[in-house]
Amino acid sequence: MKKIIILLAVTILGGVGWEMGAYFGLGMAWFLSSVGSLVGVYIGWRIGQAYLG
């Protein structure tokens, strides 16, 4: 279940980063998507730890 939460967080935050960066160009979209995905891994992991032990 923790992996599913992490996957959802990575997908959502990666997409948000892509949409934010797409306004400035492809390189910025890729960069912000990567940053959003890394943040998604951390947040998903923290949610999994807090609620699933």
PDB file of N, CA and C in Angstrom:
ATOM      1  N   MET A   1       0.819  -1.198   0.000  1.00  0.00           N
ATOM      2  CA  MET A   1       0.000   0.000   0.000  1.00  0.00           C
ATOM      3  C   MET A   1       0.860   1.260   0.000  1.00  0.00           C
ATOM      4  N   LYS A   2       1.996   1.208   0.692  1.00  0.00           N
ATOM      5  CA  LYS A   2       2.879   2.374   0.716  1.00  0.00           C
ATOM      6  C   LYS A   2       3.378   2.715  -0.673  1.00  0.00           C
ATOM      7  N   LYS A   3       3.654   1.683  -1.470  1.00  0.00           N
ATOM      8  CA  LYS A   3       4.147   1.922  -2.825  1.00  0.00           C
ATOM      9  C   LYS A   3       3.099   2.590  -3.698  1.00  0.00           C
ATOM     10  N   ILE A   4       1.849   2.238  -3.479  1.00  0.00           N
ATOM     11  CA  ILE A   4       0.771   2.871  -4.242  1.00  0.00           C
ATOM     12  C   ILE A   4       0.647   4.342  -3.874  1.00  0.00           C
ATOM     13  N   ILE A   5       0.760   4.648  -2.595  1.00  0.00           N
ATOM     14  CA  ILE A   5       0.695   6.041  -2.143  1.00  0.00           C
ATOM     15  C   ILE A   5       1.855   6.834  -2.736  1.00  0.00           C
ATOM     16  N   ILE A   6       3.046   6.262  -2.720  1.00  0.00           N
ATOM     17  CA  ILE A   6       4.211   6.938  -3.295  1.00  0.00           C
ATOM     18  C   ILE A   6       4.007   7.149  -4.788  1.00  0.00           C
ATOM     19  N   LEU A   7       3.511   6.133  -5.486  1.00  0.00           N
ATOM     20  CA  LEU A   7       3.278   6.251  -6.921  1.00  0.00           C
ATOM     21  C   LEU A   7       2.278   7.359  -7.236  1.00  0.00           C
ATOM     22  N   LEU A   8       1.210   7.438  -6.476  1.00  0.00           N
ATOM     23  CA  LEU A   8       0.219   8.496  -6.691  1.00  0.00           C
ATOM     24  C   LEU A   8       0.811   9.884  -6.444  1.00  0.00           C
ATOM     25  N   ALA A   9       1.588  10.019  -5.364  1.00  0.00           N
ATOM     26  CA  ALA A   9       2.194  11.307  -5.049  1.00  0.00           C
ATOM     27  C   ALA A   9       3.194  11.716  -6.129  1.00  0.00           C
ATOM     28  N   VAL A  10       3.995  10.771  -6.619  1.00  0.00           N
ATOM     29  CA  VAL A  10       4.964  11.066  -7.672  1.00  0.00           C
ATOM     30  C   VAL A  10       4.250  11.494  -8.946  1.00  0.00           C
ATOM     31  N   THR A  11       3.193  10.785  -9.291  1.00  0.00           N
ATOM     32  CA  THR A  11       2.454  11.098 -10.515  1.00  0.00           C
ATOM     33  C   THR A  11       1.813  12.476 -10.438  1.00  0.00           C
ATOM     34  N   ILE A  12       1.179  12.764  -9.331  1.00  0.00           N
ATOM     35  CA  ILE A  12       0.481  14.042  -9.189  1.00  0.00           C
ATOM     36  C   ILE A  12       1.474  15.202  -9.155  1.00  0.00           C
ATOM     37  N   LEU A  13       2.488  15.105  -8.308  1.00  0.00           N
ATOM     38  CA  LEU A  13       3.420  16.222  -8.181  1.00  0.00           C
ATOM     39  C   LEU A  13       4.322  16.363  -9.398  1.00  0.00           C
ATOM     40  N   GLY A  14       4.653  15.260 -10.049  1.00  0.00           N
ATOM     41  CA  GLY A  14       5.412  15.344 -11.297  1.00  0.00           C
ATOM     42  C   GLY A  14       4.619  16.054 -12.379  1.00  0.00           C
ATOM     43  N   GLY A  15       3.327  15.746 -12.453  1.00  0.00           N
ATOM     44  CA  GLY A  15       2.458  16.418 -13.424  1.00  0.00           C
ATOM     45  C   GLY A  15       2.285  17.896 -13.131  1.00  0.00           C
ATOM     46  N   VAL A  16       2.162  18.226 -11.869  1.00  0.00           N
ATOM     47  CA  VAL A  16       2.048  19.638 -11.477  1.00  0.00           C
ATOM     48  C   VAL A  16       3.328  20.382 -11.847  1.00  0.00           C
ATOM     49  N   GLY A  17       4.468  19.764 -11.575  1.00  0.00           N
ATOM     50  CA  GLY A  17       5.742  20.385 -11.941  1.00  0.00           C
ATOM     51  C   GLY A  17       5.872  20.575 -13.436  1.00  0.00           C
ATOM     52  N   TRP A  18       5.430  19.573 -14.206  1.00  0.00           N
ATOM     53  CA  TRP A  18       5.497  19.679 -15.665  1.00  0.00           C
ATOM     54  C   TRP A  18       4.632  20.842 -16.158  1.00  0.00           C
ATOM     55  N   GLU A  19       3.409  20.928 -15.647  1.00  0.00           N
ATOM     56  CA  GLU A  19       2.514  22.001 -16.083  1.00  0.00           C
ATOM     57  C   GLU A  19       3.058  23.378 -15.715  1.00  0.00           C
ATOM     58  N   MET A  20       3.669  23.486 -14.542  1.00  0.00           N
ATOM     59  CA  MET A  20       4.240  24.773 -14.139  1.00  0.00           C
ATOM     60  C   MET A  20       5.428  25.139 -15.018  1.00  0.00           C
ATOM     61  N   GLY A  21       6.267  24.161 -15.336  1.00  0.00           N
ATOM     62  CA  GLY A  21       7.458  24.434 -16.124  1.00  0.00           C
ATOM     63  C   GLY A  21       7.203  24.568 -17.605  1.00  0.00           C
ATOM     64  N   ALA A  22       6.110  23.993 -18.108  1.00  0.00           N
ATOM     65  CA  ALA A  22       5.813  24.034 -19.541  1.00  0.00           C
ATOM     66  C   ALA A  22       5.623  25.464 -20.032  1.00  0.00           C
ATOM     67  N   TYR A  23       5.235  26.333 -19.164  1.00  0.00           N
ATOM     68  CA  TYR A  23       5.065  27.741 -19.528  1.00  0.00           C
ATOM     69  C   TYR A  23       6.400  28.357 -19.940  1.00  0.00           C
ATOM     70  N   PHE A  24       7.512  27.870 -19.369  1.00  0.00           N
ATOM     71  CA  PHE A  24       8.830  28.435 -19.625  1.00  0.00           C
ATOM     72  C   PHE A  24       9.636  27.647 -20.647  1.00  0.00           C
ATOM     73  N   GLY A  25       9.151  26.495 -21.063  1.00  0.00           N
ATOM     74  CA  GLY A  25       9.856  25.717 -22.065  1.00  0.00           C
ATOM     75  C   GLY A  25      10.027  24.267 -21.650  1.00  0.00           C
ATOM     76  N   LEU A  26      10.513  23.461 -22.596  1.00  0.00           N
ATOM     77  CA  LEU A  26      10.630  22.026 -22.378  1.00  0.00           C
ATOM     78  C   LEU A  26      11.653  21.679 -21.294  1.00  0.00           C
ATOM     79  N   GLY A  27      12.782  22.364 -21.289  1.00  0.00           N
ATOM     80  CA  GLY A  27      13.815  22.086 -20.287  1.00  0.00           C
ATOM     81  C   GLY A  27      13.341  22.378 -18.872  1.00  0.00           C
ATOM     82  N   MET A  28      12.671  23.483 -18.711  1.00  0.00           N
ATOM     83  CA  MET A  28      12.152  23.839 -17.390  1.00  0.00           C
ATOM     84  C   MET A  28      11.036  22.888 -16.977  1.00  0.00           C
ATOM     85  N   ALA A  29      10.229  22.447 -17.937  1.00  0.00           N
ATOM     86  CA  ALA A  29       9.172  21.480 -17.626  1.00  0.00           C
ATOM     87  C   ALA A  29       9.791  20.178 -17.138  1.00  0.00           C
ATOM     88  N   TRP A  30      10.821  19.719 -17.804  1.00  0.00           N
ATOM     89  CA  TRP A  30      11.495  18.483 -17.400  1.00  0.00           C
ATOM     90  C   TRP A  30      12.098  18.636 -16.003  1.00  0.00           C
ATOM     91  N   PHE A  31      12.753  19.760 -15.756  1.00  0.00           N
ATOM     92  CA  PHE A  31      13.394  19.998 -14.464  1.00  0.00           C
ATOM     93  C   PHE A  31      12.377  20.048 -13.332  1.00  0.00           C
ATOM     94  N   LEU A  32      11.325  20.809 -13.506  1.00  0.00           N
ATOM     95  CA  LEU A  32      10.326  20.926 -12.439  1.00  0.00           C
ATOM     96  C   LEU A  32       9.541  19.631 -12.252  1.00  0.00           C
ATOM     97  N   SER A  33       9.373  18.863 -13.326  1.00  0.00           N
ATOM     98  CA  SER A  33       8.746  17.556 -13.186  1.00  0.00           C
ATOM     99  C   SER A  33       9.620  16.623 -12.357  1.00  0.00           C
ATOM    100  N   SER A  34      10.925  16.690 -12.569  1.00  0.00           N
ATOM    101  CA  SER A  34      11.853  15.865 -11.786  1.00  0.00           C
ATOM    102  C   SER A  34      11.830  16.271 -10.320  1.00  0.00           C
ATOM    103  N   VAL A  35      11.848  17.555 -10.065  1.00  0.00           N
ATOM    104  CA  VAL A  35      11.807  18.042  -8.688  1.00  0.00           C
ATOM    105  C   VAL A  35      10.486  17.643  -8.030  1.00  0.00           C
ATOM    106  N   GLY A  36       9.383  17.803  -8.759  1.00  0.00           N
ATOM    107  CA  GLY A  36       8.082  17.418  -8.225  1.00  0.00           C
ATOM    108  C   GLY A  36       8.005  15.928  -7.925  1.00  0.00           C
ATOM    109  N   SER A  37       8.626  15.127  -8.777  1.00  0.00           N
ATOM    110  CA  SER A  37       8.629  13.685  -8.544  1.00  0.00           C
ATOM    111  C   SER A  37       9.427  13.327  -7.299  1.00  0.00           C
ATOM    112  N   LEU A  38      10.569  13.971  -7.110  1.00  0.00           N
ATOM    113  CA  LEU A  38      11.366  13.714  -5.906  1.00  0.00           C
ATOM    114  C   LEU A  38      10.618  14.123  -4.644  1.00  0.00           C
ATOM    115  N   VAL A  39       9.954  15.257  -4.705  1.00  0.00           N
ATOM    116  CA  VAL A  39       9.152  15.704  -3.566  1.00  0.00           C
ATOM    117  C   VAL A  39       7.997  14.723  -3.334  1.00  0.00           C
ATOM    118  N   GLY A  40       7.429  14.215  -4.421  1.00  0.00           N
ATOM    119  CA  GLY A  40       6.349  13.240  -4.314  1.00  0.00           C
ATOM    120  C   GLY A  40       6.787  11.961  -3.632  1.00  0.00           C
ATOM    121  N   VAL A  41       8.015  11.514  -3.912  1.00  0.00           N
ATOM    122  CA  VAL A  41       8.539  10.321  -3.242  1.00  0.00           C
ATOM    123  C   VAL A  41       8.619  10.579  -1.744  1.00  0.00           C
ATOM    124  N   TYR A  42       9.141  11.714  -1.369  1.00  0.00           N
ATOM    125  CA  TYR A  42       9.284  12.032   0.059  1.00  0.00           C
ATOM    126  C   TYR A  42       7.921  12.151   0.740  1.00  0.00           C
ATOM    127  N   ILE A  43       7.017  12.903   0.130  1.00  0.00           N
ATOM    128  CA  ILE A  43       5.706  13.108   0.743  1.00  0.00           C
ATOM    129  C   ILE A  43       4.927  11.795   0.804  1.00  0.00           C
ATOM    130  N   GLY A  44       4.979  11.008  -0.268  1.00  0.00           N
ATOM    131  CA  GLY A  44       4.302   9.718  -0.258  1.00  0.00           C
ATOM    132  C   GLY A  44       4.868   8.788   0.803  1.00  0.00           C
ATOM    133  N   TRP A  45       6.168   8.796   0.960  1.00  0.00           N
ATOM    134  CA  TRP A  45       6.801   7.971   1.986  1.00  0.00           C
ATOM    135  C   TRP A  45       6.373   8.404   3.383  1.00  0.00           C
ATOM    136  N   ARG A  46       6.348   9.737   3.607  1.00  0.00           N
ATOM    137  CA  ARG A  46       5.932  10.251   4.909  1.00  0.00           C
ATOM    138  C   ARG A  46       4.469   9.914   5.206  1.00  0.00           C
ATOM    139  N   ILE A  47       3.608  10.030   4.216  1.00  0.00           N
ATOM    140  CA  ILE A  47       2.196   9.679   4.414  1.00  0.00           C
ATOM    141  C   ILE A  47       2.072   8.193   4.728  1.00  0.00           C
ATOM    142  N   GLY A  48       2.808   7.374   3.990  1.00  0.00           N
ATOM    143  CA  GLY A  48       2.786   5.941   4.251  1.00  0.00           C
ATOM    144  C   GLY A  48       3.264   5.586   5.651  1.00  0.00           C
ATOM    145  N   GLN A  49       4.285   6.250   6.118  1.00  0.00           N
ATOM    146  CA  GLN A  49       4.804   5.999   7.459  1.00  0.00           C
ATOM    147  C   GLN A  49       3.816   6.456   8.527  1.00  0.00           C
ATOM    148  N   ALA A  50       3.194   7.606   8.293  1.00  0.00           N
ATOM    149  CA  ALA A  50       2.299   8.169   9.304  1.00  0.00           C
ATOM    150  C   ALA A  50       1.002   7.361   9.453  1.00  0.00           C
ATOM    151  N   TYR A  51       0.461   6.893   8.338  1.00  0.00           N
ATOM    152  CA  TYR A  51      -0.847   6.262   8.397  1.00  0.00           C
ATOM    153  C   TYR A  51      -0.799   4.744   8.332  1.00  0.00           C
ATOM    154  N   LEU A  52       0.270   4.182   7.832  1.00  0.00           N
ATOM    155  CA  LEU A  52       0.341   2.727   7.696  1.00  0.00           C
ATOM    156  C   LEU A  52       1.383   2.088   8.580  1.00  0.00           C
ATOM    157  N   GLY A  53       2.129   2.911   9.293  1.00  0.00           N
ATOM    158  CA  GLY A  53       3.107   2.400  10.244  1.00  0.00           C
ATOM    159  C   GLY A  53       4.292   1.872   9.590  1.00  0.00           C
TER     160      GLY A  53
END
